[in-house]
Amino acid sequence: MDRYQKTAIGLMLFVPLIFLIVSLLMDRWGFFLWSLAPSFIVGMTGFFVAKTGTK
């Protein structure tokens, strides 16, 4: 794995973590649940673009 792939995975995990903290503070789980799918889609797109585009 190169640096860009690690960055994509890190962001894919970090963004839902922010929404998890907001959800815990506000006691509204919709923030966290609605952030999972877009974060996964964008993270995997970035991962595969980094995988094929850095050669």
Protein backbone atom coordinates (compact mmCIF):
# COMPACT_ATOMS: atom_id res chain seq x y z
CA MET A 1 0.00 0.00 0.00
CA ASP A 2 1.29 3.41 -0.84
CA ARG A 3 0.86 6.67 1.02
CA TYR A 4 -2.28 7.75 -0.87
CA GLN A 5 -4.08 4.49 -0.15
CA LYS A 6 -3.28 4.82 3.54
CA THR A 7 -4.61 8.37 3.48
CA ALA A 8 -7.86 7.23 1.83
CA ILE A 9 -8.37 4.52 4.46
CA GLY A 10 -7.52 6.93 7.27
CA LEU A 11 -10.07 9.47 6.08
CA MET A 12 -12.65 6.75 5.53
CA LEU A 13 -12.31 5.89 9.24
CA PHE A 14 -11.77 9.42 10.60
CA VAL A 15 -14.88 11.10 9.12
CA PRO A 16 -17.38 8.66 10.70
CA LEU A 17 -15.48 9.03 13.97
CA ILE A 18 -16.27 12.76 13.95
CA PHE A 19 -19.93 12.01 13.33
CA LEU A 20 -19.86 9.37 16.08
CA ILE A 21 -18.64 11.99 18.54
CA VAL A 22 -21.35 14.42 17.42
CA SER A 23 -23.96 11.68 17.74
CA LEU A 24 -22.81 10.78 21.23
CA LEU A 25 -22.89 14.40 22.34
CA MET A 26 -26.30 15.17 20.83
CA ASP A 27 -27.84 11.71 21.39
CA ARG A 28 -29.10 11.63 17.80
CA TRP A 29 -27.75 8.61 15.95
CA GLY A 30 -28.92 9.78 12.55
CA PHE A 31 -25.76 11.84 12.14
CA PHE A 32 -23.56 8.79 12.50
CA LEU A 33 -25.71 6.36 10.56
CA TRP A 34 -26.14 8.69 7.59
CA SER A 35 -22.38 9.34 7.44
CA LEU A 36 -21.40 5.69 7.03
CA ALA A 37 -22.46 5.06 3.43
CA PRO A 38 -21.06 8.29 1.88
CA SER A 39 -17.82 7.91 3.80
CA PHE A 40 -17.41 4.32 2.63
CA ILE A 41 -18.20 5.19 -1.00
CA VAL A 42 -15.81 8.14 -1.11
CA GLY A 43 -13.10 6.25 0.77
CA MET A 44 -13.21 3.24 -1.52
CA THR A 45 -13.27 5.47 -4.60
CA GLY A 46 -10.18 7.29 -3.34
CA PHE A 47 -8.51 4.00 -2.47
CA PHE A 48 -9.00 2.51 -5.94
CA VAL A 49 -8.05 5.72 -7.74
CA ALA A 50 -4.86 5.88 -5.67
CA LYS A 51 -4.21 2.21 -6.41
CA THR A 52 -4.46 2.56 -10.19
CA GLY A 53 -3.38 6.15 -10.69
CA THR A 54 0.02 6.27 -8.98
CA LYS A 55 2.07 4.01 -11.25
